[in-house]
PDB file of N, CA and C in Angstrom:
ATOM      1  N   MET A   1      77.415 102.168 131.682  1.00  0.00           N
ATOM      2  CA  MET A   1      76.959 101.904 130.289  1.00  0.00           C
ATOM      3  C   MET A   1      75.527 101.345 130.312  1.00  0.00           C
ATOM      4  N   VAL A   2      74.748 101.768 129.373  1.00  0.00           N
ATOM      5  CA  VAL A   2      73.366 101.226 129.276  1.00  0.00           C
ATOM      6  C   VAL A   2      73.254 100.435 128.021  1.00  0.00           C
ATOM      7  N   PRO A   3      72.682  99.207 128.155  1.00  0.00           N
ATOM      8  CA  PRO A   3      72.565  98.365 126.975  1.00  0.00           C
ATOM      9  C   PRO A   3      71.727  98.987 125.919  1.00  0.00           C
ATOM     10  N   ASN A   4      72.151  98.910 124.695  1.00  0.00           N
ATOM     11  CA  ASN A   4      71.451  99.451 123.491  1.00  0.00           C
ATOM     12  C   ASN A   4      70.450  98.450 123.016  1.00  0.00           C
ATOM     13  N   GLN A   5      70.981  97.272 122.611  1.00  0.00           N
ATOM     14  CA  GLN A   5      70.069  96.311 121.997  1.00  0.00           C
ATOM     15  C   GLN A   5      70.376  94.940 122.562  1.00  0.00           C
ATOM     16  N   PRO A   6      69.352  94.080 122.748  1.00  0.00           N
ATOM     17  CA  PRO A   6      69.633  92.769 123.168  1.00  0.00           C
ATOM     18  C   PRO A   6      70.388  91.959 122.158  1.00  0.00           C
ATOM     19  N   PHE A   7      71.307  91.072 122.632  1.00  0.00           N
ATOM     20  CA  PHE A   7      72.064  90.254 121.761  1.00  0.00           C
ATOM     21  C   PHE A   7      71.956  88.835 122.239  1.00  0.00           C
ATOM     22  N   ALA A   8      72.199  87.842 121.415  1.00  0.00           N
ATOM     23  CA  ALA A   8      71.979  86.449 121.807  1.00  0.00           C
ATOM     24  C   ALA A   8      72.682  86.067 123.126  1.00  0.00           C
ATOM     25  N   ALA A   9      73.900  86.547 123.325  1.00  0.00           N
ATOM     26  CA  ALA A   9      74.664  86.147 124.513  1.00  0.00           C
ATOM     27  C   ALA A   9      74.620  87.238 125.605  1.00  0.00           C
ATOM     28  N   GLY A  10      73.852  88.242 125.449  1.00  0.00           N
ATOM     29  CA  GLY A  10      73.767  89.267 126.425  1.00  0.00           C
ATOM     30  C   GLY A  10      73.305  90.581 125.850  1.00  0.00           C
ATOM     31  N   PHE A  11      74.001  91.676 126.093  1.00  0.00           N
ATOM     32  CA  PHE A  11      73.656  92.954 125.577  1.00  0.00           C
ATOM     33  C   PHE A  11      74.798  93.632 124.838  1.00  0.00           C
ATOM     34  N   VAL A  12      74.445  94.407 123.849  1.00  0.00           N
ATOM     35  CA  VAL A  12      75.357  95.156 123.139  1.00  0.00           C
ATOM     36  C   VAL A  12      75.360  96.572 123.677  1.00  0.00           C
ATOM     37  N   TYR A  13      76.441  97.137 124.106  1.00  0.00           N
ATOM     38  CA  TYR A  13      76.496  98.481 124.749  1.00  0.00           C
ATOM     39  C   TYR A  13      76.665  99.510 123.656  1.00  0.00           C
ATOM     40  N   GLY A  14      76.060 100.659 123.858  1.00  0.00           N
ATOM     41  CA  GLY A  14      76.089 101.743 122.923  1.00  0.00           C
ATOM     42  C   GLY A  14      77.441 102.201 122.481  1.00  0.00           C
ATOM     43  N   ASN A  15      78.406 102.319 123.320  1.00  0.00           N
ATOM     44  CA  ASN A  15      79.755 102.810 122.935  1.00  0.00           C
ATOM     45  C   ASN A  15      80.736 101.723 122.976  1.00  0.00           C
ATOM     46  N   ALA A  16      80.391 100.485 122.790  1.00  0.00           N
ATOM     47  CA  ALA A  16      81.366  99.398 122.847  1.00  0.00           C
ATOM     48  C   ALA A  16      82.131  99.267 121.489  1.00  0.00           C
ATOM     49  N   ASN A  17      83.435  99.355 121.582  1.00  0.00           N
ATOM     50  CA  ASN A  17      84.383  99.045 120.525  1.00  0.00           C
ATOM     51  C   ASN A  17      83.817  99.238 119.061  1.00  0.00           C
ATOM     52  N   HIS A  18      83.667 100.419 118.693  1.00  0.00           N
ATOM     53  CA  HIS A  18      83.270 100.670 117.274  1.00  0.00           C
ATOM     54  C   HIS A  18      84.389 100.742 116.305  1.00  0.00           C
ATOM     55  N   THR A  19      85.558 100.767 116.847  1.00  0.00           N
ATOM     56  CA  THR A  19      86.753 100.747 115.945  1.00  0.00           C
ATOM     57  C   THR A  19      87.184  99.329 115.529  1.00  0.00           C
ATOM     58  N   ARG A  20      87.659  99.095 114.401  1.00  0.00           N
ATOM     59  CA  ARG A  20      88.120  97.786 114.030  1.00  0.00           C
ATOM     60  C   ARG A  20      89.525  97.533 114.533  1.00  0.00           C
ATOM     61  N   MET A  21      89.969  96.332 114.633  1.00  0.00           N
ATOM     62  CA  MET A  21      91.227  95.980 115.150  1.00  0.00           C
ATOM     63  C   MET A  21      92.393  96.657 114.351  1.00  0.00           C
ATOM     64  N   SER A  22      92.215  96.712 113.058  1.00  0.00           N
ATOM     65  CA  SER A  22      93.246  97.363 112.231  1.00  0.00           C
ATOM     66  C   SER A  22      93.333  98.798 112.496  1.00  0.00           C
ATOM     67  N   GLU A  23      92.225  99.497 112.886  1.00  0.00           N
ATOM     68  CA  GLU A  23      92.281 100.870 113.227  1.00  0.00           C
ATOM     69  C   GLU A  23      92.906 101.104 114.556  1.00  0.00           C
ATOM     70  N   MET A  24      92.821 100.087 115.442  1.00  0.00           N
ATOM     71  CA  MET A  24      93.415 100.300 116.780  1.00  0.00           C
ATOM     72  C   MET A  24      94.930  99.960 116.851  1.00  0.00           C
ATOM     73  N   THR A  25      95.395  99.155 115.941  1.00  0.00           N
ATOM     74  CA  THR A  25      96.744  98.688 115.892  1.00  0.00           C
ATOM     75  C   THR A  25      97.637  99.834 115.461  1.00  0.00           C
ATOM     76  N   ASN A  26      98.571 100.182 116.253  1.00  0.00           N
ATOM     77  CA  ASN A  26      99.542 101.226 115.864  1.00  0.00           C
ATOM     78  C   ASN A  26     100.705 100.586 115.106  1.00  0.00           C
ATOM     79  N   THR A  27     101.172 101.276 114.060  1.00  0.00           N
ATOM     80  CA  THR A  27     102.266 100.813 113.286  1.00  0.00           C
ATOM     81  C   THR A  27     103.557 100.999 114.120  1.00  0.00           C
ATOM     82  N   ILE A  28     104.323  99.982 114.241  1.00  0.00           N
ATOM     83  CA  ILE A  28     105.527 100.002 115.026  1.00  0.00           C
ATOM     84  C   ILE A  28     106.674 100.075 114.030  1.00  0.00           C
ATOM     85  N   GLU A  29     107.527 101.144 114.133  1.00  0.00           N
ATOM     86  CA  GLU A  29     108.694 101.276 113.316  1.00  0.00           C
ATOM     87  C   GLU A  29     109.795 100.425 113.873  1.00  0.00           C
ATOM     88  N   HIS A  30     110.270  99.497 113.063  1.00  0.00           N
ATOM     89  CA  HIS A  30     111.395  98.633 113.469  1.00  0.00           C
ATOM     90  C   HIS A  30     112.647  99.065 112.658  1.00  0.00           C
ATOM     91  N   GLU A  31     113.775  98.938 113.307  1.00  0.00           N
ATOM     92  CA  GLU A  31     114.999  99.118 112.533  1.00  0.00           C
ATOM     93  C   GLU A  31     115.107  97.931 111.590  1.00  0.00           C
ATOM     94  N   GLY A  32     115.602  98.205 110.427  1.00  0.00           N
ATOM     95  CA  GLY A  32     115.735  97.142 109.431  1.00  0.00           C
ATOM     96  C   GLY A  32     115.028  97.555 108.145  1.00  0.00           C
ATOM     97  N   GLY A  33     114.357  98.622 108.149  1.00  0.00           N
ATOM     98  CA  GLY A  33     113.775  99.207 106.915  1.00  0.00           C
ATOM     99  C   GLY A  33     112.590  98.422 106.361  1.00  0.00           C
ATOM    100  N   GLU A  34     112.571  98.397 105.042  1.00  0.00           N
ATOM    101  CA  GLU A  34     111.404  97.816 104.343  1.00  0.00           C
ATOM    102  C   GLU A  34     111.109  96.453 104.645  1.00  0.00           C
ATOM    103  N   GLN A  35     112.142  95.635 104.697  1.00  0.00           N
ATOM    104  CA  GLN A  35     111.981  94.192 104.978  1.00  0.00           C
ATOM    105  C   GLN A  35     111.210  93.956 106.377  1.00  0.00           C
ATOM    106  N   ALA A  36     111.521  94.702 107.421  1.00  0.00           N
ATOM    107  CA  ALA A  36     110.859  94.575 108.729  1.00  0.00           C
ATOM    108  C   ALA A  36     109.421  95.061 108.593  1.00  0.00           C
ATOM    109  N   LYS A  37     109.192  96.125 107.809  1.00  0.00           N
ATOM    110  CA  LYS A  37     107.783  96.506 107.646  1.00  0.00           C
ATOM    111  C   LYS A  37     106.962  95.513 106.889  1.00  0.00           C
ATOM    112  N   VAL A  38     107.529  94.861 105.912  1.00  0.00           N
ATOM    113  CA  VAL A  38     106.852  93.855 105.138  1.00  0.00           C
ATOM    114  C   VAL A  38     106.487  92.668 106.048  1.00  0.00           C
ATOM    115  N   GLU A  39     107.459  92.240 106.815  1.00  0.00           N
ATOM    116  CA  GLU A  39     107.266  91.070 107.765  1.00  0.00           C
ATOM    117  C   GLU A  39     106.226  91.454 108.814  1.00  0.00           C
ATOM    118  N   SER A  40     106.233  92.594 109.279  1.00  0.00           N
ATOM    119  CA  SER A  40     105.248  93.112 110.251  1.00  0.00           C
ATOM    120  C   SER A  40     103.873  93.048 109.653  1.00  0.00           C
ATOM    121  N   TRP A  41     103.705  93.536 108.401  1.00  0.00           N
ATOM    122  CA  TRP A  41     102.411  93.570 107.713  1.00  0.00           C
ATOM    123  C   TRP A  41     101.972  92.098 107.448  1.00  0.00           C
ATOM    124  N   ARG A  42     102.863  91.181 107.071  1.00  0.00           N
ATOM    125  CA  ARG A  42     102.495  89.851 106.792  1.00  0.00           C
ATOM    126  C   ARG A  42     102.017  89.155 108.025  1.00  0.00           C
ATOM    127  N   LEU A  43     102.753  89.459 109.236  1.00  0.00           N
ATOM    128  CA  LEU A  43     102.410  88.922 110.500  1.00  0.00           C
ATOM    129  C   LEU A  43     100.982  89.287 110.883  1.00  0.00           C
ATOM    130  N   HIS A  44     100.624  90.569 110.679  1.00  0.00           N
ATOM    131  CA  HIS A  44      99.283  91.084 110.931  1.00  0.00           C
ATOM    132  C   HIS A  44      98.239  90.339 110.162  1.00  0.00           C
ATOM    133  N   VAL A  45      98.455  90.157 108.863  1.00  0.00           N
ATOM    134  CA  VAL A  45      97.550  89.460 107.971  1.00  0.00           C
ATOM    135  C   VAL A  45      97.407  87.970 108.403  1.00  0.00           C
ATOM    136  N   LEU A  46      98.462  87.382 108.692  1.00  0.00           N
ATOM    137  CA  LEU A  46      98.396  85.947 109.134  1.00  0.00           C
ATOM    138  C   LEU A  46      97.635  85.732 110.407  1.00  0.00           C
ATOM    139  N   ILE A  47      97.910  86.623 111.354  1.00  0.00           N
ATOM    140  CA  ILE A  47      97.177  86.533 112.625  1.00  0.00           C
ATOM    141  C   ILE A  47      95.712  86.755 112.480  1.00  0.00           C
ATOM    142  N   GLU A  48      95.354  87.777 111.673  1.00  0.00           N
ATOM    143  CA  GLU A  48      93.869  88.015 111.360  1.00  0.00           C
ATOM    144  C   GLU A  48      93.222  86.863 110.645  1.00  0.00           C
ATOM    145  N   ALA A  49      94.102  86.107 109.813  1.00  0.00           N
ATOM    146  CA  ALA A  49      93.472  84.955 109.131  1.00  0.00           C
ATOM    147  C   ALA A  49      93.261  83.792 110.087  1.00  0.00           C
ATOM    148  N   GLY A  50      93.900  83.756 111.249  1.00  0.00           N
ATOM    149  CA  GLY A  50      93.667  82.708 112.195  1.00  0.00           C
ATOM    150  C   GLY A  50      94.857  81.845 112.644  1.00  0.00           C
ATOM    151  N   TYR A  51      96.060  82.271 112.149  1.00  0.00           N
ATOM    152  CA  TYR A  51      97.245  81.575 112.530  1.00  0.00           C
ATOM    153  C   TYR A  51      97.654  81.940 113.960  1.00  0.00           C
ATOM    154  N   PRO A  52      98.062  80.933 114.789  1.00  0.00           N
ATOM    155  CA  PRO A  52      98.611  81.291 116.069  1.00  0.00           C
ATOM    156  C   PRO A  52      99.966  82.061 115.908  1.00  0.00           C
ATOM    157  N   LEU A  53     100.289  82.818 116.912  1.00  0.00           N
ATOM    158  CA  LEU A  53     101.442  83.731 116.788  1.00  0.00           C
ATOM    159  C   LEU A  53     102.745  83.053 116.401  1.00  0.00           C
ATOM    160  N   PRO A  54     103.168  81.871 117.011  1.00  0.00           N
ATOM    161  CA  PRO A  54     104.426  81.278 116.620  1.00  0.00           C
ATOM    162  C   PRO A  54     104.366  80.858 115.105  1.00  0.00           C
ATOM    163  N   LEU A  55     103.284  80.255 114.592  1.00  0.00           N
ATOM    164  CA  LEU A  55     103.293  79.901 113.171  1.00  0.00           C
ATOM    165  C   LEU A  55     103.240  81.131 112.268  1.00  0.00           C
ATOM    166  N   ALA A  56     102.465  82.114 112.721  1.00  0.00           N
ATOM    167  CA  ALA A  56     102.411  83.370 111.903  1.00  0.00           C
ATOM    168  C   ALA A  56     103.757  84.025 111.804  1.00  0.00           C
ATOM    169  N   GLU A  57     104.565  84.007 112.869  1.00  0.00           N
ATOM    170  CA  GLU A  57     105.913  84.533 112.876  1.00  0.00           C
ATOM    171  C   GLU A  57     106.762  83.831 111.879  1.00  0.00           C
ATOM    172  N   ARG A  58     106.722  82.492 111.916  1.00  0.00           N
ATOM    173  CA  ARG A  58     107.534  81.697 110.988  1.00  0.00           C
ATOM    174  C   ARG A  58     107.183  81.925 109.580  1.00  0.00           C
ATOM    175  N   LEU A  59     105.867  82.025 109.306  1.00  0.00           N
ATOM    176  CA  LEU A  59     105.383  82.253 107.929  1.00  0.00           C
ATOM    177  C   LEU A  59     105.678  83.661 107.476  1.00  0.00           C
ATOM    178  N   ALA A  60     105.590  84.640 108.352  1.00  0.00           N
ATOM    179  CA  ALA A  60     105.783  86.035 107.930  1.00  0.00           C
ATOM    180  C   ALA A  60     107.270  86.263 107.593  1.00  0.00           C
ATOM    181  N   GLY A  61     108.189  85.566 108.175  1.00  0.00           N
ATOM    182  CA  GLY A  61     109.614  85.772 107.922  1.00  0.00           C
ATOM    183  C   GLY A  61     110.104  84.876 106.827  1.00  0.00           C
ATOM    184  N   SER A  62     109.220  84.085 106.223  1.00  0.00           N
ATOM    185  CA  SER A  62     109.627  83.159 105.157  1.00  0.00           C
ATOM    186  C   SER A  62     109.186  83.625 103.847  1.00  0.00           C
ATOM    187  N   ALA A  63     109.500  82.870 102.789  1.00  0.00           N
ATOM    188  CA  ALA A  63     109.130  83.214 101.435  1.00  0.00           C
ATOM    189  C   ALA A  63     107.751  82.603 101.057  1.00  0.00           C
ATOM    190  N   ALA A  64     107.025  82.106 102.077  1.00  0.00           N
ATOM    191  CA  ALA A  64     105.759  81.468 101.793  1.00  0.00           C
ATOM    192  C   ALA A  64     104.784  82.422 101.210  1.00  0.00           C
ATOM    193  N   ASP A  65     103.928  81.909 100.278  1.00  0.00           N
ATOM    194  CA  ASP A  65     102.960  82.690  99.627  1.00  0.00           C
ATOM    195  C   ASP A  65     101.872  83.131 100.615  1.00  0.00           C
ATOM    196  N   LEU A  66     101.767  84.438 100.909  1.00  0.00           N
ATOM    197  CA  LEU A  66     100.812  85.006 101.812  1.00  0.00           C
ATOM    198  C   LEU A  66      99.360  84.727 101.465  1.00  0.00           C
ATOM    199  N   HIS A  67      99.046  84.928 100.155  1.00  0.00           N
ATOM    200  CA  HIS A  67      97.678  84.690  99.740  1.00  0.00           C
ATOM    201  C   HIS A  67      97.323  83.209  99.841  1.00  0.00           C
ATOM    202  N   GLY A  68      98.196  82.341  99.549  1.00  0.00           N
ATOM    203  CA  GLY A  68      98.019  80.903  99.704  1.00  0.00           C
ATOM    204  C   GLY A  68      97.769  80.548 101.160  1.00  0.00           C
ATOM    205  N   ALA A  69      98.547  81.188 102.034  1.00  0.00           N
ATOM    206  CA  ALA A  69      98.433  80.890 103.493  1.00  0.00           C
ATOM    207  C   ALA A  69      97.018  81.266 103.960  1.00  0.00           C
ATOM    208  N   VAL A  70      96.513  82.469 103.514  1.00  0.00           N
ATOM    209  CA  VAL A  70      95.222  82.892 103.975  1.00  0.00           C
ATOM    210  C   VAL A  70      94.134  81.994 103.342  1.00  0.00           C
ATOM    211  N   GLU A  71      94.317  81.616 102.061  1.00  0.00           N
ATOM    212  CA  GLU A  71      93.348  80.845 101.419  1.00  0.00           C
ATOM    213  C   GLU A  71      93.197  79.439 102.042  1.00  0.00           C
ATOM    214  N   LEU A  72      94.300  78.858 102.419  1.00  0.00           N
ATOM    215  CA  LEU A  72      94.211  77.510 103.101  1.00  0.00           C
ATOM    216  C   LEU A  72      93.389  77.603 104.363  1.00  0.00           C
ATOM    217  N   ILE A  73      93.611  78.586 105.151  1.00  0.00           N
ATOM    218  CA  ILE A  73      92.793  78.740 106.392  1.00  0.00           C
ATOM    219  C   ILE A  73      91.347  78.979 106.048  1.00  0.00           C
ATOM    220  N   SER A  74      91.084  79.788 105.071  1.00  0.00           N
ATOM    221  CA  SER A  74      89.707  80.140 104.760  1.00  0.00           C
ATOM    222  C   SER A  74      88.899  78.924 104.245  1.00  0.00           C
ATOM    223  N   LYS A  75      89.651  77.935 103.679  1.00  0.00           N
ATOM    224  CA  LYS A  75      89.016  76.722 103.145  1.00  0.00           C
ATOM    225  C   LYS A  75      88.930  75.610 104.210  1.00  0.00           C
ATOM    226  N   GLY A  76      89.415  75.988 105.493  1.00  0.00           N
ATOM    227  CA  GLY A  76      89.281  74.983 106.577  1.00  0.00           C
ATOM    228  C   GLY A  76      90.453  74.232 106.967  1.00  0.00           C
ATOM    229  N   CYS A  77      91.571  74.495 106.392  1.00  0.00           N
ATOM    230  CA  CYS A  77      92.824  73.807 106.674  1.00  0.00           C
ATOM    231  C   CYS A  77      93.327  74.259 108.082  1.00  0.00           C
ATOM    232  N   ALA A  78      93.733  73.304 108.858  1.00  0.00           N
ATOM    233  CA  ALA A  78      94.350  73.650 110.136  1.00  0.00           C
ATOM    234  C   ALA A  78      95.593  74.439 109.985  1.00  0.00           C
ATOM    235  N   PRO A  79      95.821  75.417 110.841  1.00  0.00           N
ATOM    236  CA  PRO A  79      97.057  76.242 110.781  1.00  0.00           C
ATOM    237  C   PRO A  79      98.333  75.453 110.664  1.00  0.00           C
ATOM    238  N   GLU A  80      98.412  74.463 111.511  1.00  0.00           N
ATOM    239  CA  GLU A  80      99.651  73.610 111.555  1.00  0.00           C
ATOM    240  C   GLU A  80      99.854  72.888 110.170  1.00  0.00           C
ATOM    241  N   THR A  81      98.802  72.356 109.610  1.00  0.00           N
ATOM    242  CA  THR A  81      98.844  71.656 108.332  1.00  0.00           C
ATOM    243  C   THR A  81      99.247  72.719 107.234  1.00  0.00           C
ATOM    244  N   ALA A  82      98.578  73.834 107.242  1.00  0.00           N
ATOM    245  CA  ALA A  82      98.865  74.867 106.298  1.00  0.00           C
ATOM    246  C   ALA A  82     100.323  75.295 106.377  1.00  0.00           C
ATOM    247  N   ALA A  83     100.899  75.471 107.484  1.00  0.00           N
ATOM    248  CA  ALA A  83     102.305  75.872 107.684  1.00  0.00           C
ATOM    249  C   ALA A  83     103.222  74.784 107.128  1.00  0.00           C
ATOM    250  N   GLU A  84     102.878  73.447 107.348  1.00  0.00           N
ATOM    251  CA  GLU A  84     103.695  72.397 106.821  1.00  0.00           C
ATOM    252  C   GLU A  84     103.660  72.442 105.287  1.00  0.00           C
ATOM    253  N   ILE A  85     102.471  72.720 104.698  1.00  0.00           N
ATOM    254  CA  ILE A  85     102.400  72.749 103.258  1.00  0.00           C
ATOM    255  C   ILE A  85     103.245  73.906 102.743  1.00  0.00           C
ATOM    256  N   LEU A  86     103.230  75.084 103.352  1.00  0.00           N
ATOM    257  CA  LEU A  86     103.797  76.248 102.880  1.00  0.00           C
ATOM    258  C   LEU A  86     105.288  76.374 103.116  1.00  0.00           C
ATOM    259  N   LEU A  87     105.737  75.777 104.179  1.00  0.00           N
ATOM    260  CA  LEU A  87     107.259  75.959 104.511  1.00  0.00           C
ATOM    261  C   LEU A  87     108.084  74.829 104.007  1.00  0.00           C
TER     262      LEU A  87
END
């Protein structure tokens, strides 16, 4: 690989990861129908918002407000504190 452009921490390579994470993630079909699909989607959103996996799993499977969960993190709330508020 040949560097394309200098970057603050090194070099950006010409063919380095041009796809976004959501494009790379394959949809996994779970038994359980729609509820499993919804929980899987919620888990994805929570992880992308910054929740660690164990908290994201708990929140995804709960009735917690997803938009509220993402908003708390975006406003600087620690994931653990946000989970306590929401659960």
